[in-house]
Structures are given as structure tokens and as C-alpha cells.
Amino acid sequence: MVHADAVQGQRSLMRMAAGKLEDANPNVSPRLCAQVRRTRKQLYEHIDGDYYGYRDEEDGILVKVEAAAEAVMRTEVGFIFA
């Protein structure tokens, strides 16, 4: 059976250790840790055509990859429905 004083002593040691952890890194200030909240309007301000993928075909890479994938798909579907 554990004595009540021993349990209380463990709790106080844990509290002391937690206090030391809070002060462990002096470079981190509470101001830096505070989360910056943005409004819905601020989030939607920077969404443009790139976000929705409207300009993905302009660089030409996606067109080549899709053409190869489409050719494979057409041959597989051709065997299924033939």
C-alpha cells in the first residue's frame, strides 16, 4: 500500500519538473507561440486559378503525362468492351 505522503511528494516533483520545462527554452516567447487567426475573407483573398488547377496545362508537362495515361486507359478499355 502506497502512503499518501509519498504520492503527494511525487505530485510535487512532477509539478516542479513541469515548471522547469516551461522555462527551458528562453528563445521561444509566448508572443511567437500565439496562433494567428485569419478570417474567412483573408483565406479566400489569395485563391486564384492556380488553386483550382486552371493553368496546369500551360507548362506542357501535364499534357504529356495525361496523353500517356489516356493511351493506356484506351487500350485497357478497348479490351474490355471489344
PDB file of N, CA and C in Angstrom:
ATOM      1  N   MET A   1       0.842  -1.171   0.000  1.00  0.00           N
ATOM      2  CA  MET A   1       0.000   0.000   0.000  1.00  0.00           C
ATOM      3  C   MET A   1       0.896   1.246   0.000  1.00  0.00           C
ATOM      4  N   VAL A   2       0.556   2.219  -0.878  1.00  0.00           N
ATOM      5  CA  VAL A   2       1.365   3.430  -1.030  1.00  0.00           C
ATOM      6  C   VAL A   2       0.883   4.467  -0.022  1.00  0.00           C
ATOM      7  N   HIS A   3       1.812   5.050   0.659  1.00  0.00           N
ATOM      8  CA  HIS A   3       1.495   6.062   1.661  1.00  0.00           C
ATOM      9  C   HIS A   3       1.098   7.365   0.974  1.00  0.00           C
ATOM     10  N   ALA A   4       0.148   8.102   1.539  1.00  0.00           N
ATOM     11  CA  ALA A   4      -0.368   9.332   0.938  1.00  0.00           C
ATOM     12  C   ALA A   4       0.718  10.392   0.794  1.00  0.00           C
ATOM     13  N   ASP A   5       1.650  10.454   1.742  1.00  0.00           N
ATOM     14  CA  ASP A   5       2.726  11.449   1.656  1.00  0.00           C
ATOM     15  C   ASP A   5       3.646  11.169   0.466  1.00  0.00           C
ATOM     16  N   ALA A   6       3.833   9.882   0.159  1.00  0.00           N
ATOM     17  CA  ALA A   6       4.688   9.528  -0.972  1.00  0.00           C
ATOM     18  C   ALA A   6       4.043   9.964  -2.279  1.00  0.00           C
ATOM     19  N   VAL A   7       2.729   9.777  -2.396  1.00  0.00           N
ATOM     20  CA  VAL A   7       2.013  10.195  -3.608  1.00  0.00           C
ATOM     21  C   VAL A   7       2.059  11.707  -3.747  1.00  0.00           C
ATOM     22  N   GLN A   8       1.850  12.407  -2.623  1.00  0.00           N
ATOM     23  CA  GLN A   8       1.902  13.878  -2.656  1.00  0.00           C
ATOM     24  C   GLN A   8       3.286  14.353  -3.048  1.00  0.00           C
ATOM     25  N   GLY A   9       4.318  13.674  -2.582  1.00  0.00           N
ATOM     26  CA  GLY A   9       5.682  14.044  -2.937  1.00  0.00           C
ATOM     27  C   GLY A   9       5.957  13.845  -4.420  1.00  0.00           C
ATOM     28  N   GLN A  10       5.419  12.781  -5.000  1.00  0.00           N
ATOM     29  CA  GLN A  10       5.588  12.543  -6.437  1.00  0.00           C
ATOM     30  C   GLN A  10       4.883  13.622  -7.250  1.00  0.00           C
ATOM     31  N   ARG A  11       3.705  14.007  -6.782  1.00  0.00           N
ATOM     32  CA  ARG A  11       2.957  15.053  -7.494  1.00  0.00           C
ATOM     33  C   ARG A  11       3.708  16.374  -7.467  1.00  0.00           C
ATOM     34  N   SER A  12       4.289  16.703  -6.328  1.00  0.00           N
ATOM     35  CA  SER A  12       5.010  17.973  -6.243  1.00  0.00           C
ATOM     36  C   SER A  12       6.276  17.925  -7.104  1.00  0.00           C
ATOM     37  N   LEU A  13       6.923  16.767  -7.178  1.00  0.00           N
ATOM     38  CA  LEU A  13       8.087  16.642  -8.055  1.00  0.00           C
ATOM     39  C   LEU A  13       7.681  16.810  -9.519  1.00  0.00           C
ATOM     40  N   MET A  14       6.534  16.261  -9.873  1.00  0.00           N
ATOM     41  CA  MET A  14       6.064  16.387 -11.267  1.00  0.00           C
ATOM     42  C   MET A  14       5.732  17.841 -11.582  1.00  0.00           C
ATOM     43  N   ARG A  15       5.137  18.553 -10.613  1.00  0.00           N
ATOM     44  CA  ARG A  15       4.836  19.971 -10.830  1.00  0.00           C
ATOM     45  C   ARG A  15       6.115  20.787 -10.999  1.00  0.00           C
ATOM     46  N   MET A  16       7.129  20.472 -10.193  1.00  0.00           N
ATOM     47  CA  MET A  16       8.404  21.180 -10.305  1.00  0.00           C
ATOM     48  C   MET A  16       9.046  20.910 -11.661  1.00  0.00           C
ATOM     49  N   ALA A  17       8.995  19.666 -12.119  1.00  0.00           N
ATOM     50  CA  ALA A  17       9.575  19.328 -13.421  1.00  0.00           C
ATOM     51  C   ALA A  17       8.829  20.037 -14.534  1.00  0.00           C
ATOM     52  N   ALA A  18       7.511  20.129 -14.432  1.00  0.00           N
ATOM     53  CA  ALA A  18       6.728  20.821 -15.463  1.00  0.00           C
ATOM     54  C   ALA A  18       7.076  22.306 -15.486  1.00  0.00           C
ATOM     55  N   GLY A  19       7.298  22.887 -14.319  1.00  0.00           N
ATOM     56  CA  GLY A  19       7.689  24.293 -14.260  1.00  0.00           C
ATOM     57  C   GLY A  19       9.035  24.541 -14.903  1.00  0.00           C
ATOM     58  N   LYS A  20       9.948  23.595 -14.736  1.00  0.00           N
ATOM     59  CA  LYS A  20      11.268  23.744 -15.357  1.00  0.00           C
ATOM     60  C   LYS A  20      11.183  23.598 -16.866  1.00  0.00           C
ATOM     61  N   LEU A  21      10.275  22.760 -17.345  1.00  0.00           N
ATOM     62  CA  LEU A  21      10.121  22.597 -18.790  1.00  0.00           C
ATOM     63  C   LEU A  21       9.597  23.866 -19.439  1.00  0.00           C
ATOM     64  N   GLU A  22       8.699  24.550 -18.753  1.00  0.00           N
ATOM     65  CA  GLU A  22       8.158  25.786 -19.315  1.00  0.00           C
ATOM     66  C   GLU A  22       9.247  26.839 -19.495  1.00  0.00           C
ATOM     67  N   ASP A  23      10.198  26.860 -18.579  1.00  0.00           N
ATOM     68  CA  ASP A  23      11.271  27.846 -18.634  1.00  0.00           C
ATOM     69  C   ASP A  23      12.507  27.328 -19.362  1.00  0.00           C
ATOM     70  N   ALA A  24      12.430  26.152 -19.943  1.00  0.00           N
ATOM     71  CA  ALA A  24      13.608  25.507 -20.518  1.00  0.00           C
ATOM     72  C   ALA A  24      14.159  26.255 -21.723  1.00  0.00           C
ATOM     73  N   ASN A  25      13.305  26.778 -22.578  1.00  0.00           N
ATOM     74  CA  ASN A  25      13.779  27.429 -23.796  1.00  0.00           C
ATOM     75  C   ASN A  25      13.476  28.923 -23.721  1.00  0.00           C
ATOM     76  N   PRO A  26      14.446  29.733 -23.372  1.00  0.00           N
ATOM     77  CA  PRO A  26      14.188  31.171 -23.257  1.00  0.00           C
ATOM     78  C   PRO A  26      14.043  31.860 -24.611  1.00  0.00           C
ATOM     79  N   ASN A  27      14.410  31.198 -25.707  1.00  0.00           N
ATOM     80  CA  ASN A  27      14.320  31.816 -27.031  1.00  0.00           C
ATOM     81  C   ASN A  27      12.892  31.860 -27.561  1.00  0.00           C
ATOM     82  N   VAL A  28      12.037  31.014 -27.044  1.00  0.00           N
ATOM     83  CA  VAL A  28      10.658  30.976 -27.509  1.00  0.00           C
ATOM     84  C   VAL A  28       9.827  31.871 -26.612  1.00  0.00           C
ATOM     85  N   SER A  29       9.284  32.903 -27.196  1.00  0.00           N
ATOM     86  CA  SER A  29       8.461  33.801 -26.407  1.00  0.00           C
ATOM     87  C   SER A  29       6.991  33.434 -26.609  1.00  0.00           C
ATOM     88  N   PRO A  30       6.156  33.727 -25.643  1.00  0.00           N
ATOM     89  CA  PRO A  30       4.733  33.422 -25.790  1.00  0.00           C
ATOM     90  C   PRO A  30       4.111  34.136 -26.978  1.00  0.00           C
ATOM     91  N   ARG A  31       4.677  35.274 -27.341  1.00  0.00           N
ATOM     92  CA  ARG A  31       4.155  36.020 -28.471  1.00  0.00           C
ATOM     93  C   ARG A  31       4.334  35.244 -29.772  1.00  0.00           C
ATOM     94  N   LEU A  32       5.460  34.533 -29.927  1.00  0.00           N
ATOM     95  CA  LEU A  32       5.704  33.749 -31.125  1.00  0.00           C
ATOM     96  C   LEU A  32       4.829  32.499 -31.169  1.00  0.00           C
ATOM     97  N   CYS A  33       4.490  31.997 -30.013  1.00  0.00           N
ATOM     98  CA  CYS A  33       3.696  30.780 -29.946  1.00  0.00           C
ATOM     99  C   CYS A  33       2.216  31.046 -30.163  1.00  0.00           C
ATOM    100  N   ALA A  34       1.791  32.264 -30.033  1.00  0.00           N
ATOM    101  CA  ALA A  34       0.374  32.583 -30.202  1.00  0.00           C
ATOM    102  C   ALA A  34      -0.037  32.337 -31.650  1.00  0.00           C
ATOM    103  N   GLN A  35      -1.160  31.681 -31.817  1.00  0.00           N
ATOM    104  CA  GLN A  35      -1.631  31.334 -33.151  1.00  0.00           C
ATOM    105  C   GLN A  35      -2.306  32.553 -33.780  1.00  0.00           C
ATOM    106  N   VAL A  36      -1.952  32.832 -35.018  1.00  0.00           N
ATOM    107  CA  VAL A  36      -2.543  33.942 -35.729  1.00  0.00           C
ATOM    108  C   VAL A  36      -3.824  33.449 -36.379  1.00  0.00           C
ATOM    109  N   ARG A  37      -4.932  34.046 -36.011  1.00  0.00           N
ATOM    110  CA  ARG A  37      -6.217  33.640 -36.561  1.00  0.00           C
ATOM    111  C   ARG A  37      -6.518  34.492 -37.785  1.00  0.00           C
ATOM    112  N   ARG A  38      -6.945  33.855 -38.853  1.00  0.00           N
ATOM    113  CA  ARG A  38      -7.314  34.575 -40.066  1.00  0.00           C
ATOM    114  C   ARG A  38      -8.803  34.441 -40.297  1.00  0.00           C
ATOM    115  N   THR A  39      -9.373  35.472 -40.868  1.00  0.00           N
ATOM    116  CA  THR A  39     -10.790  35.417 -41.182  1.00  0.00           C
ATOM    117  C   THR A  39     -10.987  34.664 -42.490  1.00  0.00           C
ATOM    118  N   ARG A  40     -12.209  34.283 -42.754  1.00  0.00           N
ATOM    119  CA  ARG A  40     -12.519  33.575 -43.995  1.00  0.00           C
ATOM    120  C   ARG A  40     -12.176  34.446 -45.207  1.00  0.00           C
ATOM    121  N   LYS A  41     -12.426  35.732 -45.099  1.00  0.00           N
ATOM    122  CA  LYS A  41     -12.108  36.648 -46.193  1.00  0.00           C
ATOM    123  C   LYS A  41     -10.605  36.655 -46.476  1.00  0.00           C
ATOM    124  N   GLN A  42      -9.795  36.672 -45.430  1.00  0.00           N
ATOM    125  CA  GLN A  42      -8.345  36.672 -45.609  1.00  0.00           C
ATOM    126  C   GLN A  42      -7.869  35.368 -46.243  1.00  0.00           C
ATOM    127  N   LEU A  43      -8.508  34.262 -45.913  1.00  0.00           N
ATOM    128  CA  LEU A  43      -8.115  32.988 -46.500  1.00  0.00           C
ATOM    129  C   LEU A  43      -8.449  32.938 -47.990  1.00  0.00           C
ATOM    130  N   TYR A  44      -9.591  33.473 -48.358  1.00  0.00           N
ATOM    131  CA  TYR A  44     -10.029  33.409 -49.750  1.00  0.00           C
ATOM    132  C   TYR A  44      -9.402  34.478 -50.643  1.00  0.00           C
ATOM    133  N   GLU A  45      -8.705  35.451 -50.070  1.00  0.00           N
ATOM    134  CA  GLU A  45      -8.110  36.524 -50.864  1.00  0.00           C
ATOM    135  C   GLU A  45      -7.083  36.012 -51.870  1.00  0.00           C
ATOM    136  N   HIS A  46      -6.331  34.991 -51.529  1.00  0.00           N
ATOM    137  CA  HIS A  46      -5.226  34.543 -52.371  1.00  0.00           C
ATOM    138  C   HIS A  46      -5.566  33.331 -53.220  1.00  0.00           C
ATOM    139  N   ILE A  47      -6.819  32.921 -53.252  1.00  0.00           N
ATOM    140  CA  ILE A  47      -7.214  31.788 -54.087  1.00  0.00           C
ATOM    141  C   ILE A  47      -7.472  32.314 -55.492  1.00  0.00           C
ATOM    142  N   ASP A  48      -6.787  31.714 -56.470  1.00  0.00           N
ATOM    143  CA  ASP A  48      -6.965  32.133 -57.855  1.00  0.00           C
ATOM    144  C   ASP A  48      -7.042  30.892 -58.744  1.00  0.00           C
ATOM    145  N   GLY A  49      -6.829  31.079 -60.026  1.00  0.00           N
ATOM    146  CA  GLY A  49      -6.935  29.976 -60.977  1.00  0.00           C
ATOM    147  C   GLY A  49      -5.944  28.863 -60.734  1.00  0.00           C
ATOM    148  N   ASP A  50      -4.783  29.181 -60.213  1.00  0.00           N
ATOM    149  CA  ASP A  50      -3.788  28.142 -59.911  1.00  0.00           C
ATOM    150  C   ASP A  50      -4.299  27.173 -58.857  1.00  0.00           C
ATOM    151  N   TYR A  51      -5.028  27.689 -57.884  1.00  0.00           N
ATOM    152  CA  TYR A  51      -5.548  26.840 -56.814  1.00  0.00           C
ATOM    153  C   TYR A  51      -6.497  25.782 -57.376  1.00  0.00           C
ATOM    154  N   TYR A  52      -7.318  26.166 -58.321  1.00  0.00           N
ATOM    155  CA  TYR A  52      -8.281  25.239 -58.907  1.00  0.00           C
ATOM    156  C   TYR A  52      -7.699  24.427 -60.056  1.00  0.00           C
ATOM    157  N   GLY A  53      -6.470  24.703 -60.462  1.00  0.00           N
ATOM    158  CA  GLY A  53      -5.810  23.925 -61.496  1.00  0.00           C
ATOM    159  C   GLY A  53      -6.138  24.370 -62.909  1.00  0.00           C
ATOM    160  N   TYR A  54      -6.589  25.588 -63.087  1.00  0.00           N
ATOM    161  CA  TYR A  54      -6.953  26.059 -64.419  1.00  0.00           C
ATOM    162  C   TYR A  54      -5.742  26.278 -65.316  1.00  0.00           C
ATOM    163  N   ARG A  55      -4.587  26.541 -64.745  1.00  0.00           N
ATOM    164  CA  ARG A  55      -3.403  26.814 -65.551  1.00  0.00           C
ATOM    165  C   ARG A  55      -2.395  25.674 -65.524  1.00  0.00           C
ATOM    166  N   ASP A  56      -2.817  24.469 -65.173  1.00  0.00           N
ATOM    167  CA  ASP A  56      -1.894  23.346 -65.090  1.00  0.00           C
ATOM    168  C   ASP A  56      -1.367  22.911 -66.449  1.00  0.00           C
ATOM    169  N   GLU A  57      -2.110  23.153 -67.509  1.00  0.00           N
ATOM    170  CA  GLU A  57      -1.710  22.688 -68.833  1.00  0.00           C
ATOM    171  C   GLU A  57      -0.771  23.645 -69.550  1.00  0.00           C
ATOM    172  N   GLU A  58      -0.512  24.795 -68.973  1.00  0.00           N
ATOM    173  CA  GLU A  58       0.317  25.786 -69.646  1.00  0.00           C
ATOM    174  C   GLU A  58       1.779  25.374 -69.758  1.00  0.00           C
ATOM    175  N   ASP A  59       2.298  24.563 -68.843  1.00  0.00           N
ATOM    176  CA  ASP A  59       3.709  24.205 -68.902  1.00  0.00           C
ATOM    177  C   ASP A  59       3.966  23.020 -69.830  1.00  0.00           C
ATOM    178  N   GLY A  60       2.954  22.278 -70.245  1.00  0.00           N
ATOM    179  CA  GLY A  60       3.120  21.194 -71.203  1.00  0.00           C
ATOM    180  C   GLY A  60       3.447  19.847 -70.582  1.00  0.00           C
ATOM    181  N   ILE A  61       3.852  19.812 -69.346  1.00  0.00           N
ATOM    182  CA  ILE A  61       4.213  18.547 -68.698  1.00  0.00           C
ATOM    183  C   ILE A  61       2.964  17.714 -68.446  1.00  0.00           C
ATOM    184  N   LEU A  62       1.924  18.351 -67.950  1.00  0.00           N
ATOM    185  CA  LEU A  62       0.702  17.627 -67.625  1.00  0.00           C
ATOM    186  C   LEU A  62       0.059  17.054 -68.876  1.00  0.00           C
ATOM    187  N   VAL A  63       0.149  17.753 -69.981  1.00  0.00           N
ATOM    188  CA  VAL A  63      -0.441  17.276 -71.235  1.00  0.00           C
ATOM    189  C   VAL A  63       0.225  15.972 -71.675  1.00  0.00           C
ATOM    190  N   LYS A  64       1.547  15.898 -71.571  1.00  0.00           N
ATOM    191  CA  LYS A  64       2.268  14.685 -71.964  1.00  0.00           C
ATOM    192  C   LYS A  64       1.915  13.508 -71.055  1.00  0.00           C
ATOM    193  N   VAL A  65       1.856  13.755 -69.763  1.00  0.00           N
ATOM    194  CA  VAL A  65       1.546  12.687 -68.807  1.00  0.00           C
ATOM    195  C   VAL A  65       0.122  12.191 -69.010  1.00  0.00           C
ATOM    196  N   GLU A  66      -0.813  13.116 -69.212  1.00  0.00           N
ATOM    197  CA  GLU A  66      -2.200  12.710 -69.422  1.00  0.00           C
ATOM    198  C   GLU A  66      -2.365  11.972 -70.741  1.00  0.00           C
ATOM    199  N   ALA A  67      -1.622  12.350 -71.774  1.00  0.00           N
ATOM    200  CA  ALA A  67      -1.715  11.648 -73.055  1.00  0.00           C
ATOM    201  C   ALA A  67      -1.248  10.205 -72.917  1.00  0.00           C
ATOM    202  N   ALA A  68      -0.175   9.990 -72.201  1.00  0.00           N
ATOM    203  CA  ALA A  68       0.320   8.623 -71.990  1.00  0.00           C
ATOM    204  C   ALA A  68      -0.676   7.811 -71.165  1.00  0.00           C
ATOM    205  N   ALA A  69      -1.219   8.398 -70.114  1.00  0.00           N
ATOM    206  CA  ALA A  69      -2.187   7.689 -69.274  1.00  0.00           C
ATOM    207  C   ALA A  69      -3.470   7.415 -70.055  1.00  0.00           C
ATOM    208  N   GLU A  70      -3.870   8.342 -70.907  1.00  0.00           N
ATOM    209  CA  GLU A  70      -5.079   8.146 -71.702  1.00  0.00           C
ATOM    210  C   GLU A  70      -4.882   7.021 -72.714  1.00  0.00           C
ATOM    211  N   ALA A  71      -3.695   6.916 -73.292  1.00  0.00           N
ATOM    212  CA  ALA A  71      -3.427   5.837 -74.248  1.00  0.00           C
ATOM    213  C   ALA A  71      -3.507   4.472 -73.562  1.00  0.00           C
ATOM    214  N   VAL A  72      -2.951   4.375 -72.363  1.00  0.00           N
ATOM    215  CA  VAL A  72      -3.022   3.113 -71.608  1.00  0.00           C
ATOM    216  C   VAL A  72      -4.464   2.791 -71.261  1.00  0.00           C
ATOM    217  N   MET A  73      -5.204   3.793 -70.827  1.00  0.00           N
ATOM    218  CA  MET A  73      -6.596   3.585 -70.455  1.00  0.00           C
ATOM    219  C   MET A  73      -7.431   3.154 -71.650  1.00  0.00           C
ATOM    220  N   ARG A  74      -7.194   3.755 -72.815  1.00  0.00           N
ATOM    221  CA  ARG A  74      -7.970   3.400 -74.007  1.00  0.00           C
ATOM    222  C   ARG A  74      -7.681   1.964 -74.444  1.00  0.00           C
ATOM    223  N   THR A  75      -6.443   1.509 -74.306  1.00  0.00           N
ATOM    224  CA  THR A  75      -6.145   0.123 -74.688  1.00  0.00           C
ATOM    225  C   THR A  75      -6.786  -0.853 -73.709  1.00  0.00           C
ATOM    226  N   GLU A  76      -6.785  -0.543 -72.415  1.00  0.00           N
ATOM    227  CA  GLU A  76      -7.422  -1.428 -71.442  1.00  0.00           C
ATOM    228  C   GLU A  76      -8.921  -1.456 -71.621  1.00  0.00           C
ATOM    229  N   VAL A  77      -9.528  -0.325 -71.850  1.00  0.00           N
ATOM    230  CA  VAL A  77     -10.975  -0.260 -72.055  1.00  0.00           C
ATOM    231  C   VAL A  77     -11.339  -0.914 -73.374  1.00  0.00           C
ATOM    232  N   GLY A  78     -10.473  -0.808 -74.378  1.00  0.00           N
ATOM    233  CA  GLY A  78     -10.741  -1.438 -75.667  1.00  0.00           C
ATOM    234  C   GLY A  78     -10.824  -2.951 -75.544  1.00  0.00           C
ATOM    235  N   PHE A  79      -9.992  -3.538 -74.671  1.00  0.00           N
ATOM    236  CA  PHE A  79     -10.030  -4.983 -74.478  1.00  0.00           C
ATOM    237  C   PHE A  79     -11.288  -5.392 -73.708  1.00  0.00           C
ATOM    238  N   ILE A  80     -11.746  -4.542 -72.819  1.00  0.00           N
ATOM    239  CA  ILE A  80     -12.922  -4.883 -72.010  1.00  0.00           C
ATOM    240  C   ILE A  80     -14.174  -4.855 -72.872  1.00  0.00           C
ATOM    241  N   PHE A  81     -14.323  -3.837 -73.699  1.00  0.00           N
ATOM    242  CA  PHE A  81     -15.564  -3.661 -74.458  1.00  0.00           C
ATOM    243  C   PHE A  81     -15.489  -4.269 -75.865  1.00  0.00           C
ATOM    244  N   ALA A  82     -14.385  -4.852 -76.252  1.00  0.00           N
ATOM    245  CA  ALA A  82     -14.270  -5.411 -77.593  1.00  0.00           C
ATOM    246  C   ALA A  82     -14.891  -6.785 -77.693  1.00  0.00           C
TER     247      ALA A  82
END
